[in-house]
Amino acid sequence: MRTRVQDSFRALADPTRREILVMLSKREMTIGEIAAEFPITRAAVKKHLTMLEEGQLISVHPIGRERINRLEPTGIKNVHDWMSYFDQFWDDKLSSLQTLLNNQ
């Protein structure tokens, strides 16, 4: 599990990859469709997609000669689950603030 989350965070570290994830959250896309949205080469887009796939944030499915990229909700959930551990600290701070405000 730890390696999966690390791969996911490494994939999320790049703004282009995060933008690709947003695009894929709206619809499945081919490499060419994604590449058309960025001022970088198709090869560079392919490298970004590979990182996202290694991070289990997307999956790639061949249909004929095309490779269809789709958001992988399970990979996103792994990141969310890891991050949600820290919710307790946020909740504690909000509870303390609420107590302070109620005592004013």
N, C-alpha and C. Protein backbone atom coordinates (compact mmCIF):
# COMPACT_ATOMS: atom_id res chain seq x y z
N MET A 1 0.83 -1.20 0.00
CA MET A 1 0.00 0.00 0.00
C MET A 1 0.86 1.25 0.00
N ARG A 2 1.93 1.25 0.80
CA ARG A 2 2.78 2.43 0.91
C ARG A 2 3.38 2.83 -0.43
N THR A 3 3.88 1.86 -1.19
CA THR A 3 4.48 2.16 -2.49
C THR A 3 3.43 2.73 -3.43
N ARG A 4 2.22 2.19 -3.40
CA ARG A 4 1.16 2.70 -4.25
C ARG A 4 0.88 4.17 -3.97
N VAL A 5 0.79 4.52 -2.71
CA VAL A 5 0.51 5.91 -2.34
C VAL A 5 1.67 6.80 -2.75
N GLN A 6 2.90 6.33 -2.55
CA GLN A 6 4.06 7.12 -2.96
C GLN A 6 4.06 7.36 -4.46
N ASP A 7 3.75 6.33 -5.23
CA ASP A 7 3.67 6.49 -6.69
C ASP A 7 2.57 7.47 -7.06
N SER A 8 1.46 7.41 -6.34
CA SER A 8 0.35 8.34 -6.61
C SER A 8 0.75 9.77 -6.32
N PHE A 9 1.41 10.00 -5.18
CA PHE A 9 1.83 11.36 -4.84
C PHE A 9 2.90 11.87 -5.82
N ARG A 10 3.79 10.99 -6.25
CA ARG A 10 4.79 11.40 -7.25
C ARG A 10 4.08 11.83 -8.54
N ALA A 11 3.05 11.09 -8.92
CA ALA A 11 2.30 11.44 -10.12
C ALA A 11 1.56 12.76 -9.95
N LEU A 12 1.03 13.00 -8.75
CA LEU A 12 0.28 14.22 -8.49
C LEU A 12 1.16 15.46 -8.33
N ALA A 13 2.46 15.26 -8.20
CA ALA A 13 3.37 16.38 -7.95
C ALA A 13 3.48 17.35 -9.13
N ASP A 14 3.11 16.91 -10.31
CA ASP A 14 3.29 17.74 -11.49
C ASP A 14 1.97 18.40 -11.90
N PRO A 15 1.97 19.72 -12.13
CA PRO A 15 0.72 20.41 -12.49
C PRO A 15 0.11 19.92 -13.81
N THR A 16 0.93 19.53 -14.77
CA THR A 16 0.39 19.02 -16.03
C THR A 16 -0.38 17.73 -15.79
N ARG A 17 0.18 16.85 -14.95
CA ARG A 17 -0.51 15.59 -14.65
C ARG A 17 -1.81 15.84 -13.89
N ARG A 18 -1.80 16.81 -13.00
CA ARG A 18 -3.04 17.14 -12.28
C ARG A 18 -4.09 17.67 -13.26
N GLU A 19 -3.66 18.46 -14.22
CA GLU A 19 -4.59 18.98 -15.22
C GLU A 19 -5.14 17.85 -16.09
N ILE A 20 -4.29 16.90 -16.42
CA ILE A 20 -4.75 15.73 -17.19
C ILE A 20 -5.81 14.96 -16.40
N LEU A 21 -5.59 14.82 -15.09
CA LEU A 21 -6.59 14.12 -14.26
C LEU A 21 -7.94 14.84 -14.29
N VAL A 22 -7.91 16.17 -14.23
CA VAL A 22 -9.16 16.92 -14.29
C VAL A 22 -9.85 16.67 -15.63
N MET A 23 -9.08 16.67 -16.71
CA MET A 23 -9.64 16.42 -18.03
C MET A 23 -10.27 15.02 -18.08
N LEU A 24 -9.57 14.04 -17.53
CA LEU A 24 -10.07 12.67 -17.56
C LEU A 24 -11.24 12.46 -16.61
N SER A 25 -11.42 13.37 -15.67
CA SER A 25 -12.58 13.26 -14.78
C SER A 25 -13.86 13.59 -15.53
N LYS A 26 -13.72 14.27 -16.66
CA LYS A 26 -14.89 14.66 -17.45
C LYS A 26 -15.22 13.65 -18.53
N ARG A 27 -14.18 13.00 -19.07
CA ARG A 27 -14.42 11.99 -20.11
C ARG A 27 -13.13 11.22 -20.39
N GLU A 28 -13.28 10.05 -20.97
CA GLU A 28 -12.13 9.26 -21.40
C GLU A 28 -11.54 9.92 -22.64
N MET A 29 -10.20 9.84 -22.76
CA MET A 29 -9.54 10.51 -23.88
C MET A 29 -8.39 9.68 -24.41
N THR A 30 -8.08 9.86 -25.69
CA THR A 30 -6.90 9.24 -26.28
C THR A 30 -5.68 10.12 -26.00
N ILE A 31 -4.50 9.58 -26.26
CA ILE A 31 -3.27 10.35 -26.09
C ILE A 31 -3.31 11.59 -26.99
N GLY A 32 -3.76 11.41 -28.22
CA GLY A 32 -3.82 12.53 -29.16
C GLY A 32 -4.75 13.64 -28.68
N GLU A 33 -5.89 13.27 -28.12
CA GLU A 33 -6.82 14.27 -27.61
C GLU A 33 -6.22 15.04 -26.44
N ILE A 34 -5.51 14.34 -25.59
CA ILE A 34 -4.86 15.00 -24.45
C ILE A 34 -3.73 15.90 -24.94
N ALA A 35 -2.91 15.38 -25.85
CA ALA A 35 -1.77 16.14 -26.37
C ALA A 35 -2.21 17.43 -27.04
N ALA A 36 -3.39 17.42 -27.66
CA ALA A 36 -3.89 18.61 -28.34
C ALA A 36 -4.19 19.76 -27.36
N GLU A 37 -4.30 19.46 -26.08
CA GLU A 37 -4.63 20.46 -25.07
C GLU A 37 -3.40 21.11 -24.43
N PHE A 38 -2.20 20.63 -24.79
CA PHE A 38 -0.98 21.11 -24.14
C PHE A 38 0.06 21.54 -25.17
N PRO A 39 0.89 22.51 -24.81
CA PRO A 39 1.95 22.97 -25.73
C PRO A 39 3.22 22.11 -25.58
N ILE A 40 3.05 20.81 -25.42
CA ILE A 40 4.19 19.90 -25.29
C ILE A 40 4.01 18.78 -26.31
N THR A 41 5.06 18.01 -26.52
CA THR A 41 5.01 16.95 -27.52
C THR A 41 4.12 15.80 -27.06
N ARG A 42 3.72 15.02 -28.03
CA ARG A 42 2.94 13.82 -27.74
C ARG A 42 3.75 12.86 -26.86
N ALA A 43 5.06 12.79 -27.11
CA ALA A 43 5.94 11.93 -26.30
C ALA A 43 5.96 12.38 -24.85
N ALA A 44 5.97 13.68 -24.63
CA ALA A 44 5.95 14.20 -23.26
C ALA A 44 4.62 13.87 -22.58
N VAL A 45 3.53 13.99 -23.31
CA VAL A 45 2.22 13.63 -22.76
C VAL A 45 2.20 12.15 -22.41
N LYS A 46 2.78 11.33 -23.27
CA LYS A 46 2.83 9.88 -23.01
C LYS A 46 3.59 9.60 -21.71
N LYS A 47 4.68 10.33 -21.47
CA LYS A 47 5.44 10.15 -20.22
C LYS A 47 4.58 10.53 -19.02
N HIS A 48 3.83 11.63 -19.13
CA HIS A 48 2.94 12.02 -18.04
C HIS A 48 1.89 10.95 -17.79
N LEU A 49 1.33 10.40 -18.87
CA LEU A 49 0.31 9.35 -18.72
C LEU A 49 0.90 8.10 -18.08
N THR A 50 2.12 7.79 -18.42
CA THR A 50 2.79 6.63 -17.81
C THR A 50 2.94 6.83 -16.31
N MET A 51 3.33 8.03 -15.90
CA MET A 51 3.45 8.32 -14.46
C MET A 51 2.09 8.20 -13.77
N LEU A 52 1.05 8.70 -14.40
CA LEU A 52 -0.29 8.60 -13.82
C LEU A 52 -0.75 7.14 -13.72
N GLU A 53 -0.39 6.37 -14.72
CA GLU A 53 -0.75 4.94 -14.71
C GLU A 53 0.04 4.20 -13.62
N GLU A 54 1.32 4.51 -13.49
CA GLU A 54 2.14 3.89 -12.43
C GLU A 54 1.61 4.26 -11.05
N GLY A 55 1.06 5.45 -10.92
CA GLY A 55 0.47 5.88 -9.66
C GLY A 55 -0.94 5.36 -9.46
N GLN A 56 -1.40 4.56 -10.40
CA GLN A 56 -2.73 3.95 -10.38
C GLN A 56 -3.85 4.99 -10.33
N LEU A 57 -3.58 6.15 -10.92
CA LEU A 57 -4.58 7.21 -10.98
C LEU A 57 -5.38 7.16 -12.27
N ILE A 58 -4.83 6.50 -13.29
CA ILE A 58 -5.55 6.28 -14.54
C ILE A 58 -5.34 4.84 -14.96
N SER A 59 -6.20 4.40 -15.87
CA SER A 59 -6.00 3.11 -16.52
C SER A 59 -6.05 3.34 -18.02
N VAL A 60 -5.40 2.47 -18.77
CA VAL A 60 -5.31 2.61 -20.21
C VAL A 60 -5.88 1.35 -20.84
N HIS A 61 -6.79 1.55 -21.79
CA HIS A 61 -7.47 0.43 -22.43
C HIS A 61 -7.34 0.55 -23.94
N PRO A 62 -6.73 -0.43 -24.58
CA PRO A 62 -6.63 -0.37 -26.04
C PRO A 62 -7.98 -0.68 -26.69
N ILE A 63 -8.34 0.13 -27.66
CA ILE A 63 -9.51 -0.13 -28.50
C ILE A 63 -9.03 0.07 -29.93
N GLY A 64 -8.86 -1.02 -30.61
CA GLY A 64 -8.28 -0.96 -31.95
C GLY A 64 -6.85 -0.44 -31.85
N ARG A 65 -6.55 0.58 -32.61
CA ARG A 65 -5.21 1.17 -32.57
C ARG A 65 -5.07 2.28 -31.55
N GLU A 66 -6.15 2.66 -30.95
CA GLU A 66 -6.14 3.74 -29.96
C GLU A 66 -5.93 3.19 -28.55
N ARG A 67 -5.38 4.04 -27.70
CA ARG A 67 -5.26 3.74 -26.28
C ARG A 67 -6.12 4.76 -25.54
N ILE A 68 -7.16 4.26 -24.90
CA ILE A 68 -8.12 5.12 -24.21
C ILE A 68 -7.70 5.25 -22.75
N ASN A 69 -7.55 6.48 -22.30
CA ASN A 69 -7.14 6.77 -20.93
C ASN A 69 -8.37 7.16 -20.12
N ARG A 70 -8.48 6.57 -18.93
CA ARG A 70 -9.62 6.90 -18.08
C ARG A 70 -9.17 7.05 -16.64
N LEU A 71 -9.85 7.93 -15.94
CA LEU A 71 -9.59 8.14 -14.53
C LEU A 71 -9.85 6.85 -13.77
N GLU A 72 -9.00 6.56 -12.81
CA GLU A 72 -9.15 5.34 -12.02
C GLU A 72 -9.55 5.73 -10.59
N PRO A 73 -10.84 5.65 -10.27
CA PRO A 73 -11.32 6.09 -8.96
C PRO A 73 -10.64 5.40 -7.79
N THR A 74 -10.26 4.15 -7.94
CA THR A 74 -9.61 3.44 -6.83
C THR A 74 -8.29 4.10 -6.46
N GLY A 75 -7.53 4.52 -7.45
CA GLY A 75 -6.25 5.20 -7.18
C GLY A 75 -6.46 6.52 -6.48
N ILE A 76 -7.48 7.26 -6.91
CA ILE A 76 -7.80 8.53 -6.26
C ILE A 76 -8.23 8.27 -4.81
N LYS A 77 -8.99 7.20 -4.60
CA LYS A 77 -9.44 6.87 -3.25
C LYS A 77 -8.26 6.54 -2.34
N ASN A 78 -7.24 5.87 -2.86
CA ASN A 78 -6.05 5.56 -2.05
C ASN A 78 -5.40 6.84 -1.52
N VAL A 79 -5.31 7.85 -2.37
CA VAL A 79 -4.74 9.13 -1.96
C VAL A 79 -5.66 9.78 -0.92
N HIS A 80 -6.95 9.77 -1.19
CA HIS A 80 -7.92 10.36 -0.26
C HIS A 80 -7.85 9.67 1.10
N ASP A 81 -7.79 8.36 1.09
CA ASP A 81 -7.74 7.61 2.36
C ASP A 81 -6.50 7.98 3.16
N TRP A 82 -5.37 8.12 2.48
CA TRP A 82 -4.14 8.48 3.17
C TRP A 82 -4.27 9.89 3.76
N MET A 83 -4.79 10.81 2.96
CA MET A 83 -4.93 12.20 3.42
C MET A 83 -5.96 12.32 4.54
N SER A 84 -6.98 11.50 4.52
CA SER A 84 -8.05 11.63 5.52
C SER A 84 -7.57 11.33 6.94
N TYR A 85 -6.45 10.65 7.06
CA TYR A 85 -5.86 10.43 8.40
C TYR A 85 -5.66 11.77 9.11
N PHE A 86 -5.31 12.79 8.36
CA PHE A 86 -4.99 14.10 8.94
C PHE A 86 -6.22 14.94 9.24
N ASP A 87 -7.39 14.45 8.84
CA ASP A 87 -8.63 15.15 9.16
C ASP A 87 -8.81 15.32 10.67
N GLN A 88 -8.35 14.34 11.43
CA GLN A 88 -8.52 14.41 12.88
C GLN A 88 -7.86 15.65 13.46
N PHE A 89 -6.73 16.05 12.91
CA PHE A 89 -6.03 17.23 13.42
C PHE A 89 -6.80 18.50 13.06
N TRP A 90 -7.35 18.54 11.87
CA TRP A 90 -8.15 19.67 11.43
C TRP A 90 -9.41 19.75 12.28
N ASP A 91 -10.05 18.60 12.50
CA ASP A 91 -11.27 18.56 13.31
C ASP A 91 -11.01 19.03 14.74
N ASP A 92 -9.87 18.62 15.30
CA ASP A 92 -9.51 19.06 16.66
C ASP A 92 -9.36 20.57 16.72
N LYS A 93 -8.71 21.15 15.73
CA LYS A 93 -8.52 22.60 15.70
C LYS A 93 -9.85 23.34 15.57
N LEU A 94 -10.74 22.81 14.72
CA LEU A 94 -12.04 23.45 14.56
C LEU A 94 -12.87 23.34 15.84
N SER A 95 -12.77 22.20 16.50
CA SER A 95 -13.50 22.02 17.76
C SER A 95 -12.99 23.00 18.82
N SER A 96 -11.68 23.17 18.87
CA SER A 96 -11.10 24.12 19.83
C SER A 96 -11.54 25.54 19.52
N LEU A 97 -11.57 25.89 18.25
CA LEU A 97 -12.03 27.23 17.85
C LEU A 97 -13.50 27.43 18.21
N GLN A 98 -14.30 26.41 17.96
CA GLN A 98 -15.72 26.52 18.29
C GLN A 98 -15.93 26.69 19.79
N THR A 99 -15.18 25.93 20.58
CA THR A 99 -15.27 26.06 22.04
C THR A 99 -14.87 27.46 22.47
N LEU A 100 -13.79 27.96 21.92
CA LEU A 100 -13.32 29.31 22.24
C LEU A 100 -14.39 30.35 21.89
N LEU A 101 -14.97 30.23 20.71
CA LEU A 101 -15.98 31.20 20.29
C LEU A 101 -17.25 31.10 21.14
N ASN A 102 -17.62 29.91 21.54
CA ASN A 102 -18.80 29.73 22.37
C ASN A 102 -18.62 30.28 23.78
N ASN A 103 -17.38 30.34 24.23
CA ASN A 103 -17.09 30.86 25.59
C ASN A 103 -16.90 32.37 25.60
N GLN A 104 -16.95 32.99 24.46
CA GLN A 104 -16.76 34.45 24.38
C GLN A 104 -18.02 35.19 24.77
